[in-house]
C-alpha atoms as a PDB file:
ATOM      1  CA  MET A   1       8.988 -29.030 -13.286  1.00  0.00           C
ATOM      2  CA  ASN A   2      11.834 -31.686 -14.522  1.00  0.00           C
ATOM      3  CA  LEU A   3      14.497 -32.525 -11.676  1.00  0.00           C
ATOM      4  CA  ALA A   4      17.242 -31.923 -14.394  1.00  0.00           C
ATOM      5  CA  ILE A   5      15.775 -28.057 -15.358  1.00  0.00           C
ATOM      6  CA  LEU A   6      15.198 -27.152 -11.677  1.00  0.00           C
ATOM      7  CA  GLY A   7      18.927 -28.472 -10.418  1.00  0.00           C
ATOM      8  CA  LEU A   8      20.198 -26.555 -13.211  1.00  0.00           C
ATOM      9  CA  PHE A   9      18.948 -23.232 -11.671  1.00  0.00           C
ATOM     10  CA  PHE A  10      20.375 -24.372  -8.132  1.00  0.00           C
ATOM     11  CA  ASP A  11      23.723 -24.925 -10.266  1.00  0.00           C
ATOM     12  CA  ILE A  12      23.189 -21.288 -11.664  1.00  0.00           C
ATOM     13  CA  PHE A  13      22.026 -19.444  -8.487  1.00  0.00           C
ATOM     14  CA  GLY A  14      24.470 -20.588  -6.238  1.00  0.00           C
ATOM     15  CA  VAL A  15      27.828 -20.399  -8.797  1.00  0.00           C
ATOM     16  CA  LEU A  16      26.219 -16.757  -9.119  1.00  0.00           C
ATOM     17  CA  ILE A  17      26.393 -16.233  -5.566  1.00  0.00           C
ATOM     18  CA  LEU A  18      30.344 -17.943  -5.377  1.00  0.00           C
ATOM     19  CA  THR A  19      30.889 -15.233  -8.001  1.00  0.00           C
ATOM     20  CA  LEU A  20      29.491 -12.130  -6.521  1.00  0.00           C
ATOM     21  CA  VAL A  21      30.980 -13.112  -2.521  1.00  0.00           C
ATOM     22  CA  ALA A  22      34.359 -13.931  -4.692  1.00  0.00           C
ATOM     23  CA  ILE A  23      34.312  -9.942  -6.250  1.00  0.00           C
ATOM     24  CA  ILE A  24      32.673  -8.660  -2.935  1.00  0.00           C
ATOM     25  CA  ASP A  25      34.255  -9.299  -0.045  1.00  0.00           C
ATOM     26  CA  TYR A  26      31.985  -8.130   2.374  1.00  0.00           C
ATOM     27  CA  PRO A  27      34.516  -6.716   5.610  1.00  0.00           C
ATOM     28  CA  HIS A  28      34.872  -7.708   9.366  1.00  0.00           C
ATOM     29  CA  GLN A  29      36.846  -8.263  11.633  1.00  0.00           C
ATOM     30  CA  ARG A  30      37.584 -10.412  14.512  1.00  0.00           C
ATOM     31  CA  ILE A  31      36.799  -9.625  18.298  1.00  0.00           C
ATOM     32  CA  TYR A  32      40.417 -10.164  20.350  1.00  0.00           C
ATOM     33  CA  ASN A  33      40.544 -10.607  23.845  1.00  0.00           C
ATOM     34  CA  GLU A  34      37.321 -12.806  24.471  1.00  0.00           C
ATOM     35  CA  LYS A  35      36.994 -15.263  27.694  1.00  0.00           C
ATOM     36  CA  GLU A  36      35.920 -18.039  25.216  1.00  0.00           C
ATOM     37  CA  TRP A  37      37.917 -20.322  23.577  1.00  0.00           C
ATOM     38  CA  TRP A  38      35.632 -19.927  20.004  1.00  0.00           C
ATOM     39  CA  LYS A  39      36.172 -17.153  17.677  1.00  0.00           C
ATOM     40  CA  ARG A  40      33.769 -13.787  17.571  1.00  0.00           C
ATOM     41  CA  TYR A  41      33.276 -11.727  13.936  1.00  0.00           C
ATOM     42  CA  TRP A  42      31.418  -8.427  14.194  1.00  0.00           C
ATOM     43  CA  TRP A  43      30.805  -6.581  10.916  1.00  0.00           C
ATOM     44  CA  GLN A  44      28.191  -3.222   9.910  1.00  0.00           C
ATOM     45  CA  GLY A  45      25.269  -5.175   8.568  1.00  0.00           C
ATOM     46  CA  TRP A  46      22.016  -3.783   6.755  1.00  0.00           C
ATOM     47  CA  ARG A  47      18.720  -4.368   9.009  1.00  0.00           C
ATOM     48  CA  PRO A  48      16.100  -2.716   7.184  1.00  0.00           C
ATOM     49  CA  PHE A  49      12.805  -3.624  10.229  1.00  0.00           C
ATOM     50  CA  TYR A  50      13.263  -3.326  13.713  1.00  0.00           C
ATOM     51  CA  LYS A  51      11.367  -3.628  16.963  1.00  0.00           C
ATOM     52  CA  ASN A  52      11.459  -0.845  19.110  1.00  0.00           C
ATOM     53  CA  THR A  53      12.468  -1.567  22.892  1.00  0.00           C
ATOM     54  CA  LYS A  54       9.793   0.853  24.299  1.00  0.00           C
ATOM     55  CA  THR A  55       6.735   0.875  21.922  1.00  0.00           C
ATOM     56  CA  LEU A  56       7.815  -3.209  21.294  1.00  0.00           C
ATOM     57  CA  LYS A  57       6.455  -2.681  17.533  1.00  0.00           C
ATOM     58  CA  TRP A  58       7.847  -2.898  13.946  1.00  0.00           C
ATOM     59  CA  HIS A  59       9.478   0.081  12.328  1.00  0.00           C
ATOM     60  CA  MET A  60      11.299   0.307   8.892  1.00  0.00           C
ATOM     61  CA  LYS A  61      14.380   1.913   8.079  1.00  0.00           C
ATOM     62  CA  LEU A  62      15.932   1.297   4.384  1.00  0.00           C
ATOM     63  CA  ASN A  63      19.204   3.193   5.178  1.00  0.00           C
ATOM     64  CA  SER A  64      19.539   1.252   8.928  1.00  0.00           C
ATOM     65  CA  MET A  65      23.276  -0.370   9.241  1.00  0.00           C
ATOM     66  CA  VAL A  66      23.340  -1.810  12.777  1.00  0.00           C
ATOM     67  CA  VAL A  67      26.589  -3.942  14.139  1.00  0.00           C
ATOM     68  CA  ARG A  68      26.221  -7.985  13.861  1.00  0.00           C
ATOM     69  CA  TYR A  69      28.191 -10.511  16.093  1.00  0.00           C
ATOM     70  CA  GLY A  70      28.129 -13.894  14.476  1.00  0.00           C
ATOM     71  CA  PHE A  71      30.616 -17.254  15.236  1.00  0.00           C
ATOM     72  CA  ILE A  72      30.788 -17.024  11.180  1.00  0.00           C
ATOM     73  CA  PRO A  73      31.944 -14.120   9.046  1.00  0.00           C
ATOM     74  CA  PRO A  74      29.417 -13.164   6.563  1.00  0.00           C
ATOM     75  CA  LYS A  75      31.610 -13.758   3.322  1.00  0.00           C
ATOM     76  CA  HIS A  76      31.446 -17.215   4.805  1.00  0.00           C
ATOM     77  CA  GLN A  77      27.778 -17.785   5.762  1.00  0.00           C
ATOM     78  CA  TRP A  78      27.565 -16.691   1.572  1.00  0.00           C
ATOM     79  CA  ASN A  79      30.056 -19.401   0.900  1.00  0.00           C
ATOM     80  CA  ILE A  80      28.383 -22.084   2.955  1.00  0.00           C
ATOM     81  CA  LEU A  81      24.782 -21.057   0.793  1.00  0.00           C
ATOM     82  CA  GLY A  82      26.220 -21.237  -2.471  1.00  0.00           C
ATOM     83  CA  PHE A  83      27.929 -24.472  -1.453  1.00  0.00           C
ATOM     84  CA  ILE A  84      24.391 -26.140  -0.659  1.00  0.00           C
ATOM     85  CA  LEU A  85      22.317 -25.085  -3.386  1.00  0.00           C
ATOM     86  CA  VAL A  86      25.491 -26.345  -6.135  1.00  0.00           C
ATOM     87  CA  LEU A  87      25.075 -29.115  -3.828  1.00  0.00           C
ATOM     88  CA  ILE A  88      21.964 -28.902  -4.447  1.00  0.00           C
ATOM     89  CA  GLY A  89      21.615 -28.982  -7.737  1.00  0.00           C
ATOM     90  CA  PHE A  90      23.847 -31.375  -8.472  1.00  0.00           C
ATOM     91  CA  ILE A  91      22.038 -34.035  -6.398  1.00  0.00           C
ATOM     92  CA  LEU A  92      18.527 -32.975  -8.135  1.00  0.00           C
ATOM     93  CA  GLN A  93      20.358 -33.361 -11.866  1.00  0.00           C
ATOM     94  CA  ILE A  94      21.584 -36.888 -10.522  1.00  0.00           C
ATOM     95  CA  LYS A  95      18.596 -38.296  -9.405  1.00  0.00           C
ATOM     96  CA  PHE A  96      16.755 -36.754 -12.565  1.00  0.00           C
ATOM     97  CA  TYR A  97      19.443 -38.937 -15.123  1.00  0.00           C
ATOM     98  CA  LEU A  98      19.701 -42.560 -12.599  1.00  0.00           C
END
């Protein structure tokens, strides 16, 4: 496959992610009153596969929503992923033309 075409696919997919993140704002909140100096966030996320702590077996539940914690909110995580995909697509297109 041509590098320019592959770069164009990366660009389109990255811009699609950035557009969807701009349209659909994923709710998250900052955790206050923490003793650590860095910021922490929480949001409710979808986790269809989980491991039972008693039997140590994997289970599937399609409507499983859990509270997740992290240093970067989900909106910024998706923005970073979209930007990296656009950057990779741009580099592939430049590499093809040089």
